[in-house]
PDB file of N, CA and C in Angstrom:
ATOM      1  N   MET A   1     224.856 -48.976 164.203  1.00  0.00           N
ATOM      2  CA  MET A   1     223.913 -49.894 164.797  1.00  0.00           C
ATOM      3  C   MET A   1     224.692 -50.878 165.660  1.00  0.00           C
ATOM      4  N   LYS A   2     224.287 -51.020 166.891  1.00  0.00           N
ATOM      5  CA  LYS A   2     224.945 -51.973 167.788  1.00  0.00           C
ATOM      6  C   LYS A   2     224.191 -53.290 167.775  1.00  0.00           C
ATOM      7  N   LEU A   3     224.944 -54.343 167.607  1.00  0.00           N
ATOM      8  CA  LEU A   3     224.340 -55.670 167.573  1.00  0.00           C
ATOM      9  C   LEU A   3     225.262 -56.613 168.339  1.00  0.00           C
ATOM     10  N   GLY A   4     224.841 -57.050 169.487  1.00  0.00           N
ATOM     11  CA  GLY A   4     225.664 -57.956 170.281  1.00  0.00           C
ATOM     12  C   GLY A   4     226.940 -57.304 170.774  1.00  0.00           C
ATOM     13  N   GLY A   5     226.931 -56.005 170.967  1.00  0.00           N
ATOM     14  CA  GLY A   5     228.114 -55.309 171.454  1.00  0.00           C
ATOM     15  C   GLY A   5     229.098 -54.943 170.363  1.00  0.00           C
ATOM     16  N   ASP A   6     228.931 -55.474 169.169  1.00  0.00           N
ATOM     17  CA  ASP A   6     229.839 -55.155 168.059  1.00  0.00           C
ATOM     18  C   ASP A   6     229.214 -54.098 167.166  1.00  0.00           C
ATOM     19  N   LEU A   7     230.065 -53.295 166.594  1.00  0.00           N
ATOM     20  CA  LEU A   7     229.589 -52.271 165.668  1.00  0.00           C
ATOM     21  C   LEU A   7     229.472 -52.902 164.282  1.00  0.00           C
ATOM     22  N   VAL A   8     228.275 -52.884 163.725  1.00  0.00           N
ATOM     23  CA  VAL A   8     228.018 -53.474 162.410  1.00  0.00           C
ATOM     24  C   VAL A   8     227.966 -52.343 161.398  1.00  0.00           C
ATOM     25  N   LYS A   9     228.834 -52.415 160.386  1.00  0.00           N
ATOM     26  CA  LYS A   9     228.858 -51.396 159.339  1.00  0.00           C
ATOM     27  C   LYS A   9     227.926 -51.828 158.219  1.00  0.00           C
ATOM     28  N   LYS A  10     227.039 -50.922 157.827  1.00  0.00           N
ATOM     29  CA  LYS A  10     226.087 -51.218 156.759  1.00  0.00           C
ATOM     30  C   LYS A  10     226.602 -50.588 155.470  1.00  0.00           C
ATOM     31  N   ASN A  11     226.741 -51.398 154.427  1.00  0.00           N
ATOM     32  CA  ASN A  11     227.213 -50.891 153.142  1.00  0.00           C
ATOM     33  C   ASN A  11     226.112 -50.089 152.463  1.00  0.00           C
ATOM     34  N   PHE A  12     226.502 -48.970 151.864  1.00  0.00           N
ATOM     35  CA  PHE A  12     225.538 -48.134 151.152  1.00  0.00           C
ATOM     36  C   PHE A  12     225.189 -48.756 149.811  1.00  0.00           C
ATOM     37  N   PHE A  13     226.190 -49.279 149.098  1.00  0.00           N
ATOM     38  CA  PHE A  13     225.974 -49.925 147.807  1.00  0.00           C
ATOM     39  C   PHE A  13     226.291 -51.406 147.932  1.00  0.00           C
ATOM     40  N   LEU A  14     225.450 -52.221 147.345  1.00  0.00           N
ATOM     41  CA  LEU A  14     225.683 -53.654 147.297  1.00  0.00           C
ATOM     42  C   LEU A  14     226.166 -54.030 145.909  1.00  0.00           C
ATOM     43  N   LYS A  15     227.009 -55.047 145.835  1.00  0.00           N
ATOM     44  CA  LYS A  15     227.444 -55.541 144.532  1.00  0.00           C
ATOM     45  C   LYS A  15     226.373 -56.479 144.000  1.00  0.00           C
ATOM     46  N   GLN A  16     225.796 -56.091 142.880  1.00  0.00           N
ATOM     47  CA  GLN A  16     224.736 -56.887 142.275  1.00  0.00           C
ATOM     48  C   GLN A  16     225.102 -57.152 140.816  1.00  0.00           C
ATOM     49  N   PRO A  17     225.621 -58.341 140.526  1.00  0.00           N
ATOM     50  CA  PRO A  17     226.080 -58.645 139.161  1.00  0.00           C
ATOM     51  C   PRO A  17     224.998 -58.496 138.092  1.00  0.00           C
ATOM     52  N   MET A  18     223.758 -58.865 138.396  1.00  0.00           N
ATOM     53  CA  MET A  18     222.701 -58.767 137.382  1.00  0.00           C
ATOM     54  C   MET A  18     222.396 -57.309 137.047  1.00  0.00           C
ATOM     55  N   MET A  19     222.368 -56.440 138.047  1.00  0.00           N
ATOM     56  CA  MET A  19     222.098 -55.025 137.790  1.00  0.00           C
ATOM     57  C   MET A  19     223.263 -54.384 137.043  1.00  0.00           C
ATOM     58  N   ARG A  20     224.475 -54.845 137.303  1.00  0.00           N
ATOM     59  CA  ARG A  20     225.633 -54.341 136.564  1.00  0.00           C
ATOM     60  C   ARG A  20     225.497 -54.685 135.085  1.00  0.00           C
ATOM     61  N   ARG A  21     225.015 -55.879 134.781  1.00  0.00           N
ATOM     62  CA  ARG A  21     224.800 -56.270 133.379  1.00  0.00           C
ATOM     63  C   ARG A  21     223.737 -55.399 132.728  1.00  0.00           C
ATOM     64  N   VAL A  22     222.699 -55.051 133.484  1.00  0.00           N
ATOM     65  CA  VAL A  22     221.649 -54.173 132.960  1.00  0.00           C
ATOM     66  C   VAL A  22     222.229 -52.808 132.626  1.00  0.00           C
ATOM     67  N   LEU A  23     223.047 -52.267 133.530  1.00  0.00           N
ATOM     68  CA  LEU A  23     223.653 -50.958 133.276  1.00  0.00           C
ATOM     69  C   LEU A  23     224.593 -51.001 132.077  1.00  0.00           C
ATOM     70  N   TYR A  24     225.343 -52.089 131.928  1.00  0.00           N
ATOM     71  CA  TYR A  24     226.217 -52.229 130.755  1.00  0.00           C
ATOM     72  C   TYR A  24     225.398 -52.291 129.466  1.00  0.00           C
ATOM     73  N   SER A  25     224.246 -52.917 129.523  1.00  0.00           N
ATOM     74  CA  SER A  25     223.424 -53.019 128.317  1.00  0.00           C
ATOM     75  C   SER A  25     222.736 -51.693 127.987  1.00  0.00           C
ATOM     76  N   LEU A  26     222.498 -50.841 128.995  1.00  0.00           N
ATOM     77  CA  LEU A  26     221.865 -49.546 128.751  1.00  0.00           C
ATOM     78  C   LEU A  26     222.852 -48.473 128.303  1.00  0.00           C
ATOM     79  N   ALA A  27     224.133 -48.684 128.507  1.00  0.00           N
ATOM     80  CA  ALA A  27     225.139 -47.683 128.151  1.00  0.00           C
ATOM     81  C   ALA A  27     225.124 -47.329 126.657  1.00  0.00           C
ATOM     82  N   PRO A  28     225.074 -48.291 125.717  1.00  0.00           N
ATOM     83  CA  PRO A  28     225.028 -47.915 124.299  1.00  0.00           C
ATOM     84  C   PRO A  28     223.769 -47.124 123.931  1.00  0.00           C
ATOM     85  N   ILE A  29     222.650 -47.447 124.565  1.00  0.00           N
ATOM     86  CA  ILE A  29     221.414 -46.715 124.301  1.00  0.00           C
ATOM     87  C   ILE A  29     221.550 -45.273 124.775  1.00  0.00           C
ATOM     88  N   TYR A  30     222.158 -45.100 125.941  1.00  0.00           N
ATOM     89  CA  TYR A  30     222.370 -43.751 126.480  1.00  0.00           C
ATOM     90  C   TYR A  30     223.304 -42.954 125.568  1.00  0.00           C
ATOM     91  N   LEU A  31     224.355 -43.576 125.067  1.00  0.00           N
ATOM     92  CA  LEU A  31     225.277 -42.887 124.158  1.00  0.00           C
ATOM     93  C   LEU A  31     224.597 -42.517 122.843  1.00  0.00           C
ATOM     94  N   PHE A  32     223.742 -43.395 122.353  1.00  0.00           N
ATOM     95  CA  PHE A  32     222.987 -43.112 121.138  1.00  0.00           C
ATOM     96  C   PHE A  32     222.048 -41.925 121.357  1.00  0.00           C
ATOM     97  N   ALA A  33     221.383 -41.888 122.509  1.00  0.00           N
ATOM     98  CA  ALA A  33     220.497 -40.767 122.839  1.00  0.00           C
ATOM     99  C   ALA A  33     221.306 -39.484 123.005  1.00  0.00           C
ATOM    100  N   LEU A  34     222.501 -39.591 123.550  1.00  0.00           N
ATOM    101  CA  LEU A  34     223.376 -38.422 123.698  1.00  0.00           C
ATOM    102  C   LEU A  34     223.749 -37.860 122.331  1.00  0.00           C
ATOM    103  N   TYR A  35     223.967 -38.733 121.377  1.00  0.00           N
ATOM    104  CA  TYR A  35     224.281 -38.296 120.018  1.00  0.00           C
ATOM    105  C   TYR A  35     223.102 -37.524 119.406  1.00  0.00           C
ATOM    106  N   PHE A  36     221.874 -38.017 119.625  1.00  0.00           N
ATOM    107  CA  PHE A  36     220.709 -37.373 119.033  1.00  0.00           C
ATOM    108  C   PHE A  36     220.223 -36.135 119.789  1.00  0.00           C
ATOM    109  N   TYR A  37     220.228 -36.193 121.112  1.00  0.00           N
ATOM    110  CA  TYR A  37     219.617 -35.117 121.897  1.00  0.00           C
ATOM    111  C   TYR A  37     220.631 -34.182 122.562  1.00  0.00           C
ATOM    112  N   GLY A  38     221.875 -34.582 122.674  1.00  0.00           N
ATOM    113  CA  GLY A  38     222.942 -33.721 123.157  1.00  0.00           C
ATOM    114  C   GLY A  38     222.751 -33.197 124.571  1.00  0.00           C
ATOM    115  N   VAL A  39     222.856 -31.876 124.696  1.00  0.00           N
ATOM    116  CA  VAL A  39     222.869 -31.222 126.001  1.00  0.00           C
ATOM    117  C   VAL A  39     221.545 -31.420 126.745  1.00  0.00           C
ATOM    118  N   ARG A  40     220.443 -31.499 126.019  1.00  0.00           N
ATOM    119  CA  ARG A  40     219.145 -31.701 126.681  1.00  0.00           C
ATOM    120  C   ARG A  40     219.131 -33.008 127.467  1.00  0.00           C
ATOM    121  N   LEU A  41     219.733 -34.058 126.903  1.00  0.00           N
ATOM    122  CA  LEU A  41     219.795 -35.332 127.608  1.00  0.00           C
ATOM    123  C   LEU A  41     220.635 -35.212 128.871  1.00  0.00           C
ATOM    124  N   LEU A  42     221.747 -34.503 128.792  1.00  0.00           N
ATOM    125  CA  LEU A  42     222.598 -34.340 129.969  1.00  0.00           C
ATOM    126  C   LEU A  42     221.874 -33.574 131.069  1.00  0.00           C
ATOM    127  N   LEU A  43     221.191 -32.508 130.710  1.00  0.00           N
ATOM    128  CA  LEU A  43     220.447 -31.739 131.708  1.00  0.00           C
ATOM    129  C   LEU A  43     219.322 -32.564 132.323  1.00  0.00           C
ATOM    130  N   LEU A  44     218.603 -33.278 131.501  1.00  0.00           N
ATOM    131  CA  LEU A  44     217.519 -34.122 132.000  1.00  0.00           C
ATOM    132  C   LEU A  44     218.064 -35.224 132.909  1.00  0.00           C
ATOM    133  N   SER A  45     219.201 -35.795 132.545  1.00  0.00           N
ATOM    134  CA  SER A  45     219.813 -36.840 133.364  1.00  0.00           C
ATOM    135  C   SER A  45     220.218 -36.307 134.731  1.00  0.00           C
ATOM    136  N   VAL A  46     220.765 -35.109 134.766  1.00  0.00           N
ATOM    137  CA  VAL A  46     221.157 -34.507 136.048  1.00  0.00           C
ATOM    138  C   VAL A  46     219.928 -34.327 136.940  1.00  0.00           C
ATOM    139  N   VAL A  47     218.834 -33.853 136.363  1.00  0.00           N
ATOM    140  CA  VAL A  47     217.611 -33.640 137.130  1.00  0.00           C
ATOM    141  C   VAL A  47     217.038 -34.963 137.618  1.00  0.00           C
ATOM    142  N   VAL A  48     216.946 -35.954 136.731  1.00  0.00           N
ATOM    143  CA  VAL A  48     216.330 -37.234 137.085  1.00  0.00           C
ATOM    144  C   VAL A  48     217.193 -38.011 138.089  1.00  0.00           C
ATOM    145  N   PHE A  49     218.492 -38.117 137.808  1.00  0.00           N
ATOM    146  CA  PHE A  49     219.362 -38.872 138.719  1.00  0.00           C
ATOM    147  C   PHE A  49     219.538 -38.141 140.038  1.00  0.00           C
ATOM    148  N   GLY A  50     219.561 -36.826 140.005  1.00  0.00           N
ATOM    149  CA  GLY A  50     219.659 -36.045 141.242  1.00  0.00           C
ATOM    150  C   GLY A  50     218.402 -36.182 142.082  1.00  0.00           C
ATOM    151  N   GLY A  51     217.256 -36.198 141.448  1.00  0.00           N
ATOM    152  CA  GLY A  51     216.000 -36.363 142.176  1.00  0.00           C
ATOM    153  C   GLY A  51     215.819 -37.766 142.717  1.00  0.00           C
ATOM    154  N   GLY A  52     216.364 -38.738 142.038  1.00  0.00           N
ATOM    155  CA  GLY A  52     216.234 -40.123 142.484  1.00  0.00           C
ATOM    156  C   GLY A  52     217.176 -40.493 143.605  1.00  0.00           C
ATOM    157  N   TYR A  53     218.219 -39.695 143.784  1.00  0.00           N
ATOM    158  CA  TYR A  53     219.178 -39.993 144.834  1.00  0.00           C
ATOM    159  C   TYR A  53     218.596 -39.603 146.153  1.00  0.00           C
TER     160      TYR A  53
END
């Protein structure tokens, strides 16, 4: 994107401290679900995260 003759680079990911805290808090829950559901959770995660990207 050109803006004022300069090339402006747009970052794909932004650093968001609050969302990072949310992800850190969800990690133990995900590990607990991995313990109970195993491979099914991994397959479902690949489908859901792949579709959301």
